[in-house]
Amino acid sequence: MFAAEHQRYAAEGYIVLYNNYRGSTSYGKEHALKIDGFYASERDFADHMSGIDTLIAQGLVDENNLYIAGGSAGGIATTYAVGLTDRFNAAAATNPVINWISKTLTADSYIGQITNQFPAKPWENVEHYWQRSPLSLVGNVKTPVMLFSGEQDRRVPMSEIEKFYQALQLQQVDTAMVRVPNASHAVVARHTLSGPTC
């Protein structure tokens, strides 16, 4: 997939990893459904990290100079990753889901999301929703994080990044929050250079 922001980073001399992890659609239905029930999980995280480990093993990147960024699904992967590792020097997450319980009950995609990504309604399986939520890992985060969102985002309401920002502030982690007035979930494409990259 062509993405201008990835080309911009490459033009500046960065190596950009944009991996085709389990759950992407390019390998058919079976591959796409491998993420069912594991969207934002240690297994999902391992898929992303394996690509980075391969680049390190090939001597293409400096393991002490890594950054992670992503928007929407990539924002979720980014905020989940910093709760599981401190290998990145900094992170930037656009429109990330931070708490799946609150997100599925406030977003415009709640019916399809609950039906297609979770085994039950939030109150019927709180533990599953919590395990998928980056907020459950916030006590582990040491990586500086920039959070970015449109104030009119209906897919991932602004309150999601506000939660992570407040939690990271309580943990005394360097954090910045960027709020774009009158911007929707499409803020990823229109207002930022960060895409779903690792």
C-alpha atoms as a PDB file:
ATOM      1  CA  MET A   1       0.000   0.000   0.000  1.00  0.00           C
ATOM      2  CA  PHE A   2       1.347   3.419  -0.945  1.00  0.00           C
ATOM      3  CA  ALA A   3       1.325   5.993   1.843  1.00  0.00           C
ATOM      4  CA  ALA A   4       2.842   9.431   1.363  1.00  0.00           C
ATOM      5  CA  GLU A   5       3.914   9.720   4.999  1.00  0.00           C
ATOM      6  CA  HIS A   6       5.967   6.524   4.745  1.00  0.00           C
ATOM      7  CA  GLN A   7       7.703   7.883   1.642  1.00  0.00           C
ATOM      8  CA  ARG A   8       8.393  11.143   3.447  1.00  0.00           C
ATOM      9  CA  TYR A   9      10.112   9.330   6.317  1.00  0.00           C
ATOM     10  CA  ALA A  10      12.122   7.222   3.865  1.00  0.00           C
ATOM     11  CA  ALA A  11      13.169  10.354   1.971  1.00  0.00           C
ATOM     12  CA  GLU A  12      14.502  11.741   5.265  1.00  0.00           C
ATOM     13  CA  GLY A  13      16.666   8.644   5.706  1.00  0.00           C
ATOM     14  CA  TYR A  14      14.478   6.590   8.050  1.00  0.00           C
ATOM     15  CA  ILE A  15      13.780   2.916   7.534  1.00  0.00           C
ATOM     16  CA  VAL A  16      10.020   2.434   7.739  1.00  0.00           C
ATOM     17  CA  LEU A  17       8.554  -0.950   8.606  1.00  0.00           C
ATOM     18  CA  TYR A  18       4.932  -1.398   7.519  1.00  0.00           C
ATOM     19  CA  ASN A  19       4.195  -5.050   8.136  1.00  0.00           C
ATOM     20  CA  ASN A  20       1.406  -7.310   6.898  1.00  0.00           C
ATOM     21  CA  TYR A  21       0.445  -8.857  10.231  1.00  0.00           C
ATOM     22  CA  ARG A  22      -2.281 -11.362  11.019  1.00  0.00           C
ATOM     23  CA  GLY A  23      -5.634  -9.725  10.490  1.00  0.00           C
ATOM     24  CA  SER A  24      -4.760  -7.772   7.359  1.00  0.00           C
ATOM     25  CA  THR A  25      -6.888  -8.508   4.316  1.00  0.00           C
ATOM     26  CA  SER A  26      -4.342  -9.099   1.565  1.00  0.00           C
ATOM     27  CA  TYR A  27      -3.999 -12.855   2.186  1.00  0.00           C
ATOM     28  CA  GLY A  28      -7.692 -13.720   2.201  1.00  0.00           C
ATOM     29  CA  LYS A  29     -10.408 -14.444   4.759  1.00  0.00           C
ATOM     30  CA  GLU A  30      -8.555 -17.054   6.823  1.00  0.00           C
ATOM     31  CA  HIS A  31      -5.569 -14.744   7.372  1.00  0.00           C
ATOM     32  CA  ALA A  32      -7.859 -11.776   8.099  1.00  0.00           C
ATOM     33  CA  LEU A  33      -9.789 -13.702  10.752  1.00  0.00           C
ATOM     34  CA  LYS A  34      -6.635 -14.705  12.647  1.00  0.00           C
ATOM     35  CA  ILE A  35      -6.932 -11.438  14.550  1.00  0.00           C
ATOM     36  CA  ASP A  36     -10.487 -12.250  15.687  1.00  0.00           C
ATOM     37  CA  GLY A  37     -10.457 -12.043  19.492  1.00  0.00           C
ATOM     38  CA  PHE A  38      -6.807 -10.934  19.510  1.00  0.00           C
ATOM     39  CA  TYR A  39      -7.016  -7.355  18.237  1.00  0.00           C
ATOM     40  CA  ALA A  40      -4.603  -5.569  20.590  1.00  0.00           C
ATOM     41  CA  SER A  41      -2.968  -8.529  22.316  1.00  0.00           C
ATOM     42  CA  GLU A  42       0.463  -9.950  23.033  1.00  0.00           C
ATOM     43  CA  ARG A  43       0.101 -12.086  19.893  1.00  0.00           C
ATOM     44  CA  ASP A  44      -0.705  -9.026  17.800  1.00  0.00           C
ATOM     45  CA  PHE A  45       2.248  -7.219  19.428  1.00  0.00           C
ATOM     46  CA  ALA A  46       4.572 -10.161  18.611  1.00  0.00           C
ATOM     47  CA  ASP A  47       3.675  -9.909  14.917  1.00  0.00           C
ATOM     48  CA  HIS A  48       4.805  -6.277  14.850  1.00  0.00           C
ATOM     49  CA  MET A  49       7.955  -6.861  16.899  1.00  0.00           C
ATOM     50  CA  SER A  50       9.074  -9.810  14.749  1.00  0.00           C
ATOM     51  CA  GLY A  51       9.483  -7.451  11.805  1.00  0.00           C
ATOM     52  CA  ILE A  52      11.636  -5.098  13.869  1.00  0.00           C
ATOM     53  CA  ASP A  53      13.708  -8.000  15.155  1.00  0.00           C
ATOM     54  CA  THR A  54      14.308  -9.144  11.576  1.00  0.00           C
ATOM     55  CA  LEU A  55      15.545  -5.692  10.551  1.00  0.00           C
ATOM     56  CA  ILE A  56      17.881  -5.618  13.560  1.00  0.00           C
ATOM     57  CA  ALA A  57      19.179  -9.135  12.823  1.00  0.00           C
ATOM     58  CA  GLN A  58      19.932  -8.082   9.240  1.00  0.00           C
ATOM     59  CA  GLY A  59      21.888  -5.074  10.488  1.00  0.00           C
ATOM     60  CA  LEU A  60      19.543  -2.610   8.793  1.00  0.00           C
ATOM     61  CA  VAL A  61      18.513  -0.653  11.880  1.00  0.00           C
ATOM     62  CA  ASP A  62      20.061   0.444  15.159  1.00  0.00           C
ATOM     63  CA  GLU A  63      18.261  -1.279  18.023  1.00  0.00           C
ATOM     64  CA  ASN A  64      19.034   1.745  20.216  1.00  0.00           C
ATOM     65  CA  ASN A  65      17.374   4.195  17.829  1.00  0.00           C
ATOM     66  CA  LEU A  66      13.815   2.898  17.341  1.00  0.00           C
ATOM     67  CA  TYR A  67      10.552   4.837  17.201  1.00  0.00           C
ATOM     68  CA  ILE A  68       6.966   3.678  16.846  1.00  0.00           C
ATOM     69  CA  ALA A  69       4.002   5.535  15.396  1.00  0.00           C
ATOM     70  CA  GLY A  70       0.568   4.705  14.117  1.00  0.00           C
ATOM     71  CA  GLY A  71      -2.912   5.936  13.412  1.00  0.00           C
ATOM     72  CA  SER A  72      -6.220   4.237  14.217  1.00  0.00           C
ATOM     73  CA  ALA A  73      -5.354   0.489  14.335  1.00  0.00           C
ATOM     74  CA  GLY A  74      -1.712   1.570  14.263  1.00  0.00           C
ATOM     75  CA  GLY A  75      -2.399   3.918  17.178  1.00  0.00           C
ATOM     76  CA  ILE A  76      -3.806   1.012  19.147  1.00  0.00           C
ATOM     77  CA  ALA A  77      -0.755  -1.106  18.270  1.00  0.00           C
ATOM     78  CA  THR A  78       1.512   1.777  19.318  1.00  0.00           C
ATOM     79  CA  THR A  79      -0.091   2.391  22.715  1.00  0.00           C
ATOM     80  CA  TYR A  80      -0.298  -1.343  23.403  1.00  0.00           C
ATOM     81  CA  ALA A  81       3.369  -1.808  22.447  1.00  0.00           C
ATOM     82  CA  VAL A  82       4.694   0.827  24.850  1.00  0.00           C
ATOM     83  CA  GLY A  83       2.910  -1.015  27.649  1.00  0.00           C
ATOM     84  CA  LEU A  84       4.825  -4.196  26.803  1.00  0.00           C
ATOM     85  CA  THR A  85       8.289  -2.884  25.901  1.00  0.00           C
ATOM     86  CA  ASP A  86      10.557   0.096  26.485  1.00  0.00           C
ATOM     87  CA  ARG A  87      12.666  -0.543  23.389  1.00  0.00           C
ATOM     88  CA  PHE A  88      11.389   2.580  21.597  1.00  0.00           C
ATOM     89  CA  ASN A  89      12.877   6.028  22.184  1.00  0.00           C
ATOM     90  CA  ALA A  90       9.501   7.692  21.609  1.00  0.00           C
ATOM     91  CA  ALA A  91       6.003   6.912  20.372  1.00  0.00           C
ATOM     92  CA  ALA A  92       3.308   8.843  18.489  1.00  0.00           C
ATOM     93  CA  ALA A  93      -0.256   7.522  18.457  1.00  0.00           C
ATOM     94  CA  THR A  94      -3.116   9.003  16.467  1.00  0.00           C
ATOM     95  CA  ASN A  95      -6.743   8.088  17.364  1.00  0.00           C
ATOM     96  CA  PRO A  96      -5.866   5.061  19.506  1.00  0.00           C
ATOM     97  CA  VAL A  97      -8.462   3.062  21.419  1.00  0.00           C
ATOM     98  CA  ILE A  98      -7.285   3.087  25.036  1.00  0.00           C
ATOM     99  CA  ASN A  99     -10.182   1.379  26.807  1.00  0.00           C
ATOM    100  CA  TRP A 100     -12.298  -1.011  24.738  1.00  0.00           C
ATOM    101  CA  ILE A 101     -15.122  -0.989  27.299  1.00  0.00           C
ATOM    102  CA  SER A 102     -15.705   2.756  27.037  1.00  0.00           C
ATOM    103  CA  LYS A 103     -14.875   2.926  23.331  1.00  0.00           C
ATOM    104  CA  THR A 104     -17.396   0.316  22.225  1.00  0.00           C
ATOM    105  CA  LEU A 105     -20.107   2.040  24.276  1.00  0.00           C
ATOM    106  CA  THR A 106     -19.440   5.574  22.958  1.00  0.00           C
ATOM    107  CA  ALA A 107     -18.221   5.205  19.362  1.00  0.00           C
ATOM    108  CA  ASP A 108     -20.200   5.156  16.121  1.00  0.00           C
ATOM    109  CA  SER A 109     -18.973   1.627  15.321  1.00  0.00           C
ATOM    110  CA  TYR A 110     -20.181  -0.061  18.501  1.00  0.00           C
ATOM    111  CA  ILE A 111     -22.692  -2.572  17.040  1.00  0.00           C
ATOM    112  CA  GLY A 112     -20.333  -3.988  14.416  1.00  0.00           C
ATOM    113  CA  GLN A 113     -17.349  -3.920  16.737  1.00  0.00           C
ATOM    114  CA  ILE A 114     -19.016  -5.784  19.595  1.00  0.00           C
ATOM    115  CA  THR A 115     -20.474  -8.347  17.177  1.00  0.00           C
ATOM    116  CA  ASN A 116     -17.335  -8.887  15.097  1.00  0.00           C
ATOM    117  CA  GLN A 117     -14.389  -8.408  17.457  1.00  0.00           C
ATOM    118  CA  PHE A 118     -15.489  -9.512  20.901  1.00  0.00           C
ATOM    119  CA  PRO A 119     -16.959 -12.695  22.371  1.00  0.00           C
ATOM    120  CA  ALA A 120     -19.743 -10.896  24.248  1.00  0.00           C
ATOM    121  CA  LYS A 121     -21.040  -7.501  25.353  1.00  0.00           C
ATOM    122  CA  PRO A 122     -18.625  -5.557  27.597  1.00  0.00           C
ATOM    123  CA  TRP A 123     -20.454  -6.296  30.847  1.00  0.00           C
ATOM    124  CA  GLU A 124     -20.616  -9.993  29.973  1.00  0.00           C
ATOM    125  CA  ASN A 125     -16.855 -10.369  29.496  1.00  0.00           C
ATOM    126  CA  VAL A 126     -15.102  -7.417  31.138  1.00  0.00           C
ATOM    127  CA  GLU A 127     -11.776  -9.260  31.401  1.00  0.00           C
ATOM    128  CA  HIS A 128     -11.514  -9.836  27.636  1.00  0.00           C
ATOM    129  CA  TYR A 129     -12.154  -6.150  26.874  1.00  0.00           C
ATOM    130  CA  TRP A 130      -9.702  -5.061  29.580  1.00  0.00           C
ATOM    131  CA  GLN A 131      -6.930  -7.363  28.289  1.00  0.00           C
ATOM    132  CA  ARG A 132      -7.280  -5.766  24.824  1.00  0.00           C
ATOM    133  CA  SER A 133      -7.069  -2.243  26.298  1.00  0.00           C
ATOM    134  CA  PRO A 134      -3.746  -0.347  26.342  1.00  0.00           C
ATOM    135  CA  LEU A 135      -4.953   1.285  29.573  1.00  0.00           C
ATOM    136  CA  SER A 136      -4.502  -2.071  31.311  1.00  0.00           C
ATOM    137  CA  LEU A 137      -0.745  -1.782  30.656  1.00  0.00           C
ATOM    138  CA  VAL A 138      -0.269   1.910  31.448  1.00  0.00           C
ATOM    139  CA  GLY A 139       1.605   1.137  34.676  1.00  0.00           C
ATOM    140  CA  ASN A 140       4.447  -0.330  32.589  1.00  0.00           C
ATOM    141  CA  VAL A 141       4.903   2.616  30.197  1.00  0.00           C
ATOM    142  CA  LYS A 142       8.225   4.464  30.305  1.00  0.00           C
ATOM    143  CA  THR A 143       8.379   5.609  26.657  1.00  0.00           C
ATOM    144  CA  PRO A 144       7.576   9.282  25.928  1.00  0.00           C
ATOM    145  CA  VAL A 145       4.275   9.384  24.027  1.00  0.00           C
ATOM    146  CA  MET A 146       2.615  11.981  21.805  1.00  0.00           C
ATOM    147  CA  LEU A 147      -1.151  11.504  21.424  1.00  0.00           C
ATOM    148  CA  PHE A 148      -2.981  13.059  18.482  1.00  0.00           C
ATOM    149  CA  SER A 149      -6.712  13.138  17.713  1.00  0.00           C
ATOM    150  CA  GLY A 150      -9.494  15.085  16.039  1.00  0.00           C
ATOM    151  CA  GLU A 151     -11.961  16.599  18.475  1.00  0.00           C
ATOM    152  CA  GLN A 152     -14.903  15.483  16.286  1.00  0.00           C
ATOM    153  CA  ASP A 153     -13.735  11.877  15.935  1.00  0.00           C
ATOM    154  CA  ARG A 154     -16.813   9.648  16.312  1.00  0.00           C
ATOM    155  CA  ARG A 155     -14.947   6.378  15.641  1.00  0.00           C
ATOM    156  CA  VAL A 156     -12.519   6.846  18.539  1.00  0.00           C
ATOM    157  CA  PRO A 157     -13.893   9.617  20.758  1.00  0.00           C
ATOM    158  CA  MET A 158     -11.496  12.252  22.092  1.00  0.00           C
ATOM    159  CA  SER A 159     -11.976  10.881  25.609  1.00  0.00           C
ATOM    160  CA  GLU A 160      -9.817   7.881  24.634  1.00  0.00           C
ATOM    161  CA  ILE A 161      -6.593   9.888  24.281  1.00  0.00           C
ATOM    162  CA  GLU A 162      -7.570  12.039  27.252  1.00  0.00           C
ATOM    163  CA  LYS A 163      -7.620   8.878  29.410  1.00  0.00           C
ATOM    164  CA  PHE A 164      -4.169   7.785  28.277  1.00  0.00           C
ATOM    165  CA  TYR A 165      -2.755  11.294  28.649  1.00  0.00           C
ATOM    166  CA  GLN A 166      -4.063  11.616  32.209  1.00  0.00           C
ATOM    167  CA  ALA A 167      -2.879   8.128  33.152  1.00  0.00           C
ATOM    168  CA  LEU A 168       0.611   8.769  31.753  1.00  0.00           C
ATOM    169  CA  GLN A 169       0.752  12.086  33.583  1.00  0.00           C
ATOM    170  CA  LEU A 170      -0.068  10.245  36.822  1.00  0.00           C
ATOM    171  CA  GLN A 171       2.761   7.816  35.992  1.00  0.00           C
ATOM    172  CA  GLN A 172       5.081  10.796  35.355  1.00  0.00           C
ATOM    173  CA  VAL A 173       5.779   9.716  31.777  1.00  0.00           C
ATOM    174  CA  ASP A 174       6.631  12.487  29.286  1.00  0.00           C
ATOM    175  CA  THR A 175       3.425  12.946  27.338  1.00  0.00           C
ATOM    176  CA  ALA A 176       1.945  15.434  24.890  1.00  0.00           C
ATOM    177  CA  MET A 177      -1.642  15.629  23.660  1.00  0.00           C
ATOM    178  CA  VAL A 178      -2.538  17.300  20.366  1.00  0.00           C
ATOM    179  CA  ARG A 179      -6.233  18.078  19.810  1.00  0.00           C
ATOM    180  CA  VAL A 180      -7.293  19.146  16.315  1.00  0.00           C
ATOM    181  CA  PRO A 181     -10.511  21.223  16.353  1.00  0.00           C
ATOM    182  CA  ASN A 182     -13.260  20.212  13.886  1.00  0.00           C
ATOM    183  CA  ALA A 183     -11.308  17.154  12.712  1.00  0.00           C
ATOM    184  CA  SER A 184     -12.751  13.649  12.436  1.00  0.00           C
ATOM    185  CA  HIS A 185     -11.157  10.193  12.455  1.00  0.00           C
ATOM    186  CA  ALA A 186      -9.703  11.117   9.032  1.00  0.00           C
ATOM    187  CA  VAL A 187      -7.282  13.401  10.880  1.00  0.00           C
ATOM    188  CA  VAL A 188      -4.736  10.599  10.268  1.00  0.00           C
ATOM    189  CA  ALA A 189      -4.623  11.321   6.551  1.00  0.00           C
ATOM    190  CA  ARG A 190      -5.108  15.056   6.620  1.00  0.00           C
ATOM    191  CA  HIS A 191      -3.238  16.380   9.611  1.00  0.00           C
ATOM    192  CA  THR A 192      -0.347  14.153  10.600  1.00  0.00           C
ATOM    193  CA  LEU A 193       2.673  12.422   9.177  1.00  0.00           C
ATOM    194  CA  SER A 194       2.360   9.413  11.462  1.00  0.00           C
ATOM    195  CA  GLY A 195       0.764   6.319   9.946  1.00  0.00           C
ATOM    196  CA  PRO A 196       0.423   2.733  11.108  1.00  0.00           C
ATOM    197  CA  THR A 197       4.132   2.077  11.091  1.00  0.00           C
ATOM    198  CA  CYS A 198       6.517   0.371  13.462  1.00  0.00           C
END
